[in-house]
Amino acid sequence: MILSGHQPNYLPYPGLIGKIMMSDKFMYVTKVQFERKSWQNRNNIKTNEGATLLTVPILKKGKFDQLICDVKINNDLNWRKKHFNSIILNYKNAKFYSTYIDFFEDLYKKDWINLSELDIYIMNYIINELSIKTEILYDKDFYFEGNKTDFLVDMCKKTNCDTYISNKGSENYVEIGVFTQNSLNHKYINYIGTKYTQLHGEFINNMSIIDMLFNEGATKTKEIIGDKANYQIGKLNLKLE
């Protein structure tokens, strides 16, 4: 059984959803430190001016070491109206605009308090829209011990999985030897993407997956992120070349 885990991301990029698709089980990891200027509260959409970040403002005064699950949104700023208007403006001419705009209208009408709840709501919608059958797990239902690699090993053991998938960016802290010492396997993947239909000029890779959904729809999006040719996939228990 293959496990992957990740912090909830706001309007995630295709590679994260692809990693979930390649896993038998996926864990939302929220009981770890929030990273400022990360994808946990922002992501890029395609506009006439190129890639543009949509950022969810958070309450951060005196909260430097807060866990992701404790991060509160700063609703003194009218971010919901700004984000919804940006989506309307930049995707109103997309082929699948009418398919998805109602979801976003409903999304931005809600009074979101916790950042992780907002992120998970969006990610679960995308997972369901793409009919991904991966079992979704939540770290609030578990108690994991250890730091970094030991934490991931404990996740595998407590979810009865024998293989863990990491992104290439995890190479700085994942110790593959710790997995093998515990009779577990590890594999790296790296989403490299491929061109698809986009509005607003030349193609830009690694936009939020909503860019792909608005322009290509669910069937084509699932085909793209499920195609292993669009990834670097490492050999078992080795780093990516």
C-alpha atoms as a PDB file:
ATOM      1  CA  MET A   1       0.000   0.000   0.000  1.00  0.00           C
ATOM      2  CA  ILE A   2       1.322   3.418  -0.980  1.00  0.00           C
ATOM      3  CA  LEU A   3       0.955   6.409   1.351  1.00  0.00           C
ATOM      4  CA  SER A   4       1.598  10.071   0.679  1.00  0.00           C
ATOM      5  CA  GLY A   5       0.980  13.090   2.840  1.00  0.00           C
ATOM      6  CA  HIS A   6       1.087  16.828   2.481  1.00  0.00           C
ATOM      7  CA  GLN A   7       0.103  20.048   4.123  1.00  0.00           C
ATOM      8  CA  PRO A   8      -3.223  21.369   2.764  1.00  0.00           C
ATOM      9  CA  ASN A   9      -2.562  23.847  -0.053  1.00  0.00           C
ATOM     10  CA  TYR A  10      -4.727  26.717  -1.257  1.00  0.00           C
ATOM     11  CA  LEU A  11      -5.869  26.172  -4.862  1.00  0.00           C
ATOM     12  CA  PRO A  12      -3.185  23.452  -5.231  1.00  0.00           C
ATOM     13  CA  TYR A  13      -1.015  22.909  -8.276  1.00  0.00           C
ATOM     14  CA  PRO A  14      -1.550  19.805 -10.449  1.00  0.00           C
ATOM     15  CA  GLY A  15       1.433  17.877  -9.078  1.00  0.00           C
ATOM     16  CA  LEU A  16      -0.040  17.676  -5.594  1.00  0.00           C
ATOM     17  CA  ILE A  17      -3.307  16.241  -6.876  1.00  0.00           C
ATOM     18  CA  GLY A  18      -1.324  13.880  -9.096  1.00  0.00           C
ATOM     19  CA  LYS A  19       0.606  12.593  -6.070  1.00  0.00           C
ATOM     20  CA  ILE A  20      -2.694  11.884  -4.339  1.00  0.00           C
ATOM     21  CA  MET A  21      -3.897  10.005  -7.410  1.00  0.00           C
ATOM     22  CA  MET A  22      -0.776   7.799  -7.366  1.00  0.00           C
ATOM     23  CA  SER A  23      -1.330   6.853  -3.715  1.00  0.00           C
ATOM     24  CA  ASP A  24      -3.589   4.289  -2.086  1.00  0.00           C
ATOM     25  CA  LYS A  25      -3.901   6.551   0.961  1.00  0.00           C
ATOM     26  CA  PHE A  26      -3.272  10.277   1.417  1.00  0.00           C
ATOM     27  CA  MET A  27      -2.803  12.084   4.731  1.00  0.00           C
ATOM     28  CA  TYR A  28      -3.621  15.742   5.321  1.00  0.00           C
ATOM     29  CA  VAL A  29      -0.768  16.910   7.560  1.00  0.00           C
ATOM     30  CA  THR A  30      -1.869  19.884   9.671  1.00  0.00           C
ATOM     31  CA  LYS A  31      -0.247  19.348  13.080  1.00  0.00           C
ATOM     32  CA  VAL A  32       3.080  20.737  11.907  1.00  0.00           C
ATOM     33  CA  GLN A  33       4.423  24.286  11.864  1.00  0.00           C
ATOM     34  CA  PHE A  34       2.865  26.703   9.391  1.00  0.00           C
ATOM     35  CA  GLU A  35       5.341  27.969   6.810  1.00  0.00           C
ATOM     36  CA  ARG A  36       5.034  31.622   5.887  1.00  0.00           C
ATOM     37  CA  LYS A  37       5.229  32.473   2.191  1.00  0.00           C
ATOM     38  CA  SER A  38       4.329  28.886   1.318  1.00  0.00           C
ATOM     39  CA  TRP A  39       1.624  27.352  -0.860  1.00  0.00           C
ATOM     40  CA  GLN A  40      -0.465  26.760   2.245  1.00  0.00           C
ATOM     41  CA  ASN A  41      -2.209  30.126   1.830  1.00  0.00           C
ATOM     42  CA  ARG A  42      -1.510  31.179  -1.761  1.00  0.00           C
ATOM     43  CA  ASN A  43      -1.199  30.000  -5.343  1.00  0.00           C
ATOM     44  CA  ASN A  44      -0.872  31.263  -8.906  1.00  0.00           C
ATOM     45  CA  ILE A  45      -3.541  31.726 -11.526  1.00  0.00           C
ATOM     46  CA  LYS A  46      -2.959  32.797 -15.138  1.00  0.00           C
ATOM     47  CA  THR A  47      -3.847  36.403 -16.050  1.00  0.00           C
ATOM     48  CA  ASN A  48      -3.119  38.951 -18.770  1.00  0.00           C
ATOM     49  CA  GLU A  49      -0.109  39.945 -16.705  1.00  0.00           C
ATOM     50  CA  GLY A  50       1.204  36.398 -16.403  1.00  0.00           C
ATOM     51  CA  ALA A  51       1.221  34.345 -13.207  1.00  0.00           C
ATOM     52  CA  THR A  52      -0.567  36.191 -10.390  1.00  0.00           C
ATOM     53  CA  LEU A  53      -0.610  35.105  -6.751  1.00  0.00           C
ATOM     54  CA  LEU A  54      -3.908  34.872  -4.900  1.00  0.00           C
ATOM     55  CA  THR A  55      -3.032  35.015  -1.192  1.00  0.00           C
ATOM     56  CA  VAL A  56      -5.314  34.296   1.753  1.00  0.00           C
ATOM     57  CA  PRO A  57      -4.349  36.769   4.527  1.00  0.00           C
ATOM     58  CA  ILE A  58      -3.741  35.229   7.938  1.00  0.00           C
ATOM     59  CA  LEU A  59      -3.549  36.452  11.524  1.00  0.00           C
ATOM     60  CA  LYS A  60       0.147  36.247  12.383  1.00  0.00           C
ATOM     61  CA  LYS A  61       0.967  38.785  15.114  1.00  0.00           C
ATOM     62  CA  GLY A  62       2.523  36.832  17.988  1.00  0.00           C
ATOM     63  CA  LYS A  63       1.836  33.533  16.190  1.00  0.00           C
ATOM     64  CA  PHE A  64       5.212  32.772  14.615  1.00  0.00           C
ATOM     65  CA  ASP A  65       5.314  29.107  15.696  1.00  0.00           C
ATOM     66  CA  GLN A  66       1.664  28.209  15.169  1.00  0.00           C
ATOM     67  CA  LEU A  67       0.603  24.880  13.709  1.00  0.00           C
ATOM     68  CA  ILE A  68      -1.210  24.790  10.375  1.00  0.00           C
ATOM     69  CA  CYS A  69      -4.373  23.533  12.074  1.00  0.00           C
ATOM     70  CA  ASP A  70      -4.361  26.640  14.309  1.00  0.00           C
ATOM     71  CA  VAL A  71      -3.888  29.279  11.588  1.00  0.00           C
ATOM     72  CA  LYS A  72      -6.776  31.739  11.411  1.00  0.00           C
ATOM     73  CA  ILE A  73      -7.712  33.787   8.363  1.00  0.00           C
ATOM     74  CA  ASN A  74      -7.627  37.592   8.588  1.00  0.00           C
ATOM     75  CA  ASN A  75     -11.169  38.392   7.536  1.00  0.00           C
ATOM     76  CA  ASP A  76     -10.696  42.101   8.217  1.00  0.00           C
ATOM     77  CA  LEU A  77      -9.406  42.128   4.649  1.00  0.00           C
ATOM     78  CA  ASN A  78     -11.912  41.447   1.866  1.00  0.00           C
ATOM     79  CA  TRP A  79      -9.841  38.704   0.262  1.00  0.00           C
ATOM     80  CA  ARG A  80     -12.850  36.576  -0.760  1.00  0.00           C
ATOM     81  CA  LYS A  81     -14.279  39.256  -3.048  1.00  0.00           C
ATOM     82  CA  LYS A  82     -10.851  39.943  -4.527  1.00  0.00           C
ATOM     83  CA  HIS A  83     -10.164  36.267  -5.277  1.00  0.00           C
ATOM     84  CA  PHE A  84     -13.614  35.596  -6.721  1.00  0.00           C
ATOM     85  CA  ASN A  85     -13.450  38.666  -8.951  1.00  0.00           C
ATOM     86  CA  SER A  86      -9.984  37.620 -10.161  1.00  0.00           C
ATOM     87  CA  ILE A  87     -11.302  34.190 -11.095  1.00  0.00           C
ATOM     88  CA  ILE A  88     -14.279  35.672 -12.941  1.00  0.00           C
ATOM     89  CA  LEU A  89     -12.119  38.192 -14.815  1.00  0.00           C
ATOM     90  CA  ASN A  90      -9.465  35.738 -15.895  1.00  0.00           C
ATOM     91  CA  TYR A  91     -11.555  32.640 -16.643  1.00  0.00           C
ATOM     92  CA  LYS A  92     -14.848  34.039 -17.964  1.00  0.00           C
ATOM     93  CA  ASN A  93     -13.802  33.074 -21.498  1.00  0.00           C
ATOM     94  CA  ALA A  94     -12.566  29.588 -20.561  1.00  0.00           C
ATOM     95  CA  LYS A  95     -14.371  26.599 -22.071  1.00  0.00           C
ATOM     96  CA  PHE A  96     -15.443  25.157 -18.710  1.00  0.00           C
ATOM     97  CA  TYR A  97     -16.170  28.436 -16.921  1.00  0.00           C
ATOM     98  CA  SER A  98     -19.865  27.613 -16.419  1.00  0.00           C
ATOM     99  CA  THR A  99     -18.938  24.183 -15.005  1.00  0.00           C
ATOM    100  CA  TYR A 100     -16.901  25.567 -12.108  1.00  0.00           C
ATOM    101  CA  ILE A 101     -17.874  29.154 -11.392  1.00  0.00           C
ATOM    102  CA  ASP A 102     -20.826  28.158  -9.183  1.00  0.00           C
ATOM    103  CA  PHE A 103     -18.477  26.245  -6.868  1.00  0.00           C
ATOM    104  CA  PHE A 104     -16.282  29.303  -6.425  1.00  0.00           C
ATOM    105  CA  GLU A 105     -19.245  31.607  -5.933  1.00  0.00           C
ATOM    106  CA  ASP A 106     -20.453  29.348  -3.123  1.00  0.00           C
ATOM    107  CA  LEU A 107     -16.906  28.960  -1.755  1.00  0.00           C
ATOM    108  CA  TYR A 108     -16.337  32.677  -1.355  1.00  0.00           C
ATOM    109  CA  LYS A 109     -19.735  33.284   0.210  1.00  0.00           C
ATOM    110  CA  LYS A 110     -18.767  31.135   3.196  1.00  0.00           C
ATOM    111  CA  ASP A 111     -17.258  32.702   6.322  1.00  0.00           C
ATOM    112  CA  TRP A 112     -13.992  30.797   6.562  1.00  0.00           C
ATOM    113  CA  ILE A 113     -12.154  30.981   9.886  1.00  0.00           C
ATOM    114  CA  ASN A 114      -9.437  28.304   9.728  1.00  0.00           C
ATOM    115  CA  LEU A 115      -7.047  28.238   6.784  1.00  0.00           C
ATOM    116  CA  SER A 116      -6.689  24.440   6.819  1.00  0.00           C
ATOM    117  CA  GLU A 117     -10.450  23.955   6.619  1.00  0.00           C
ATOM    118  CA  LEU A 118     -10.610  26.214   3.564  1.00  0.00           C
ATOM    119  CA  ASP A 119      -7.727  24.393   1.867  1.00  0.00           C
ATOM    120  CA  ILE A 120      -9.080  20.928   2.612  1.00  0.00           C
ATOM    121  CA  TYR A 121     -12.557  21.895   1.388  1.00  0.00           C
ATOM    122  CA  ILE A 122     -11.106  22.978  -1.965  1.00  0.00           C
ATOM    123  CA  MET A 123      -8.790  19.982  -2.283  1.00  0.00           C
ATOM    124  CA  ASN A 124     -11.551  17.502  -1.465  1.00  0.00           C
ATOM    125  CA  TYR A 125     -13.786  19.133  -4.069  1.00  0.00           C
ATOM    126  CA  ILE A 126     -11.073  18.680  -6.703  1.00  0.00           C
ATOM    127  CA  ILE A 127     -10.421  15.072  -5.632  1.00  0.00           C
ATOM    128  CA  ASN A 128     -14.132  14.293  -5.944  1.00  0.00           C
ATOM    129  CA  GLU A 129     -14.489  16.198  -9.219  1.00  0.00           C
ATOM    130  CA  LEU A 130     -11.713  14.077 -10.728  1.00  0.00           C
ATOM    131  CA  SER A 131     -13.200  10.843  -9.284  1.00  0.00           C
ATOM    132  CA  ILE A 132      -9.961  10.009  -7.498  1.00  0.00           C
ATOM    133  CA  LYS A 133     -10.494   6.911  -5.355  1.00  0.00           C
ATOM    134  CA  THR A 134      -7.551   7.374  -2.971  1.00  0.00           C
ATOM    135  CA  GLU A 135      -8.499   6.942   0.697  1.00  0.00           C
ATOM    136  CA  ILE A 136      -8.265  10.347   2.397  1.00  0.00           C
ATOM    137  CA  LEU A 137      -6.949  10.492   5.961  1.00  0.00           C
ATOM    138  CA  TYR A 138      -6.605  13.335   8.471  1.00  0.00           C
ATOM    139  CA  ASP A 139      -3.765  13.663  10.973  1.00  0.00           C
ATOM    140  CA  LYS A 140      -6.229  14.899  13.615  1.00  0.00           C
ATOM    141  CA  ASP A 141      -7.338  11.264  13.836  1.00  0.00           C
ATOM    142  CA  PHE A 142      -3.818  10.004  14.629  1.00  0.00           C
ATOM    143  CA  TYR A 143      -0.886  10.659  16.926  1.00  0.00           C
ATOM    144  CA  PHE A 144       2.397  10.518  15.019  1.00  0.00           C
ATOM    145  CA  GLU A 145       5.767  10.585  16.735  1.00  0.00           C
ATOM    146  CA  GLY A 146       9.215  11.702  15.633  1.00  0.00           C
ATOM    147  CA  ASN A 147      10.598  14.429  13.400  1.00  0.00           C
ATOM    148  CA  LYS A 148      11.059  14.500   9.652  1.00  0.00           C
ATOM    149  CA  THR A 149      11.798  10.963   8.365  1.00  0.00           C
ATOM    150  CA  ASP A 150      10.844   9.278  11.652  1.00  0.00           C
ATOM    151  CA  PHE A 151       7.497  11.078  11.438  1.00  0.00           C
ATOM    152  CA  LEU A 152       6.898   9.724   7.918  1.00  0.00           C
ATOM    153  CA  VAL A 153       7.889   6.208   8.968  1.00  0.00           C
ATOM    154  CA  ASP A 154       5.442   6.380  11.858  1.00  0.00           C
ATOM    155  CA  MET A 155       2.723   7.530   9.437  1.00  0.00           C
ATOM    156  CA  CYS A 156       3.348   4.457   7.279  1.00  0.00           C
ATOM    157  CA  LYS A 157       3.251   2.091  10.226  1.00  0.00           C
ATOM    158  CA  LYS A 158       0.057   3.524  11.705  1.00  0.00           C
ATOM    159  CA  THR A 159      -1.750   3.493   8.352  1.00  0.00           C
ATOM    160  CA  ASN A 160      -0.551  -0.017   7.400  1.00  0.00           C
ATOM    161  CA  CYS A 161       1.336   1.163   4.325  1.00  0.00           C
ATOM    162  CA  ASP A 162       4.680  -0.202   3.121  1.00  0.00           C
ATOM    163  CA  THR A 163       5.716   2.572   0.700  1.00  0.00           C
ATOM    164  CA  TYR A 164       5.844   6.359   1.020  1.00  0.00           C
ATOM    165  CA  ILE A 165       5.887   8.880  -1.860  1.00  0.00           C
ATOM    166  CA  SER A 166       7.709  12.209  -1.416  1.00  0.00           C
ATOM    167  CA  ASN A 167       8.106  15.214  -3.671  1.00  0.00           C
ATOM    168  CA  LYS A 168      11.594  15.992  -4.981  1.00  0.00           C
ATOM    169  CA  GLY A 169      11.661  19.041  -2.695  1.00  0.00           C
ATOM    170  CA  SER A 170      11.767  16.704   0.314  1.00  0.00           C
ATOM    171  CA  GLU A 171      15.228  15.400  -0.589  1.00  0.00           C
ATOM    172  CA  ASN A 172      16.851  17.770   1.913  1.00  0.00           C
ATOM    173  CA  TYR A 173      15.359  16.001   4.921  1.00  0.00           C
ATOM    174  CA  VAL A 174      14.156  12.522   3.902  1.00  0.00           C
ATOM    175  CA  GLU A 175      16.625   9.798   4.939  1.00  0.00           C
ATOM    176  CA  ILE A 176      15.835   6.808   2.760  1.00  0.00           C
ATOM    177  CA  GLY A 177      17.936   4.551   4.969  1.00  0.00           C
ATOM    178  CA  VAL A 178      15.526   5.089   7.853  1.00  0.00           C
ATOM    179  CA  PHE A 179      12.713   3.681   5.695  1.00  0.00           C
ATOM    180  CA  THR A 180      14.715   0.589   4.699  1.00  0.00           C
ATOM    181  CA  GLN A 181      15.806   0.016   8.311  1.00  0.00           C
ATOM    182  CA  ASN A 182      12.103  -0.194   9.158  1.00  0.00           C
ATOM    183  CA  SER A 183      11.334  -2.594   6.266  1.00  0.00           C
ATOM    184  CA  LEU A 184       9.565   0.195   4.362  1.00  0.00           C
ATOM    185  CA  ASN A 185      10.050   1.611   0.871  1.00  0.00           C
ATOM    186  CA  HIS A 186      10.327   5.172  -0.359  1.00  0.00           C
ATOM    187  CA  LYS A 187       9.900   6.741  -3.783  1.00  0.00           C
ATOM    188  CA  TYR A 188      10.408  10.297  -5.091  1.00  0.00           C
ATOM    189  CA  ILE A 189       8.233  11.943  -7.712  1.00  0.00           C
ATOM    190  CA  ASN A 190       8.547  15.323  -9.407  1.00  0.00           C
ATOM    191  CA  TYR A 191       5.763  16.809 -11.529  1.00  0.00           C
ATOM    192  CA  ILE A 192       7.195  18.361 -14.698  1.00  0.00           C
ATOM    193  CA  GLY A 193       3.863  19.001 -16.388  1.00  0.00           C
ATOM    194  CA  THR A 194       2.892  19.381 -20.018  1.00  0.00           C
ATOM    195  CA  LYS A 195       1.278  22.045 -22.164  1.00  0.00           C
ATOM    196  CA  TYR A 196      -2.493  22.333 -22.142  1.00  0.00           C
ATOM    197  CA  THR A 197      -4.986  24.938 -23.337  1.00  0.00           C
ATOM    198  CA  GLN A 198      -4.522  28.277 -21.552  1.00  0.00           C
ATOM    199  CA  LEU A 199      -5.856  31.785 -21.973  1.00  0.00           C
ATOM    200  CA  HIS A 200      -3.762  34.984 -21.908  1.00  0.00           C
ATOM    201  CA  GLY A 201      -0.764  34.344 -24.109  1.00  0.00           C
ATOM    202  CA  GLU A 202       2.174  31.993 -23.826  1.00  0.00           C
ATOM    203  CA  PHE A 203       1.887  28.843 -21.750  1.00  0.00           C
ATOM    204  CA  ILE A 204       3.000  29.007 -18.105  1.00  0.00           C
ATOM    205  CA  ASN A 205       3.555  25.764 -16.203  1.00  0.00           C
ATOM    206  CA  ASN A 206       2.602  25.002 -12.587  1.00  0.00           C
ATOM    207  CA  MET A 207      -0.421  27.251 -12.251  1.00  0.00           C
ATOM    208  CA  SER A 208      -3.110  26.263  -9.778  1.00  0.00           C
ATOM    209  CA  ILE A 209      -4.998  23.216 -10.999  1.00  0.00           C
ATOM    210  CA  ILE A 210      -8.070  25.419 -11.364  1.00  0.00           C
ATOM    211  CA  ASP A 211      -6.396  26.881 -14.470  1.00  0.00           C
ATOM    212  CA  MET A 212      -6.401  23.415 -16.028  1.00  0.00           C
ATOM    213  CA  LEU A 213      -9.949  22.676 -14.888  1.00  0.00           C
ATOM    214  CA  PHE A 214     -11.417  25.894 -16.286  1.00  0.00           C
ATOM    215  CA  ASN A 215      -9.643  25.426 -19.610  1.00  0.00           C
ATOM    216  CA  GLU A 216      -9.682  21.655 -20.091  1.00  0.00           C
ATOM    217  CA  GLY A 217     -12.392  20.236 -17.814  1.00  0.00           C
ATOM    218  CA  ALA A 218     -12.253  17.254 -15.484  1.00  0.00           C
ATOM    219  CA  THR A 219     -11.667  14.449 -18.012  1.00  0.00           C
ATOM    220  CA  LYS A 220      -8.638  16.039 -19.675  1.00  0.00           C
ATOM    221  CA  THR A 221      -7.259  17.282 -16.348  1.00  0.00           C
ATOM    222  CA  LYS A 222      -7.368  13.788 -14.878  1.00  0.00           C
ATOM    223  CA  GLU A 223      -5.713  12.422 -18.022  1.00  0.00           C
ATOM    224  CA  ILE A 224      -2.858  14.950 -17.748  1.00  0.00           C
ATOM    225  CA  ILE A 225      -2.127  14.536 -14.045  1.00  0.00           C
ATOM    226  CA  GLY A 226      -2.519  10.761 -14.259  1.00  0.00           C
ATOM    227  CA  ASP A 227       0.001  10.426 -17.119  1.00  0.00           C
ATOM    228  CA  LYS A 228       3.306   9.239 -15.647  1.00  0.00           C
ATOM    229  CA  ALA A 229       5.116  10.770 -18.645  1.00  0.00           C
ATOM    230  CA  ASN A 230       4.458  14.130 -16.973  1.00  0.00           C
ATOM    231  CA  TYR A 231       6.570  13.203 -13.934  1.00  0.00           C
ATOM    232  CA  GLN A 232      10.061  12.272 -12.968  1.00  0.00           C
ATOM    233  CA  ILE A 233       9.542   9.105 -10.941  1.00  0.00           C
ATOM    234  CA  GLY A 234      12.474   7.817  -8.945  1.00  0.00           C
ATOM    235  CA  LYS A 235      13.466   4.213  -8.488  1.00  0.00           C
ATOM    236  CA  LEU A 236      12.482   2.594  -5.230  1.00  0.00           C
ATOM    237  CA  ASN A 237      14.660   3.724  -2.320  1.00  0.00           C
ATOM    238  CA  LEU A 238      16.870   5.950  -4.487  1.00  0.00           C
ATOM    239  CA  LYS A 239      17.060   9.711  -5.004  1.00  0.00           C
ATOM    240  CA  LEU A 240      15.857  11.205  -8.252  1.00  0.00           C
ATOM    241  CA  GLU A 241      18.602  11.580 -10.828  1.00  0.00           C
END
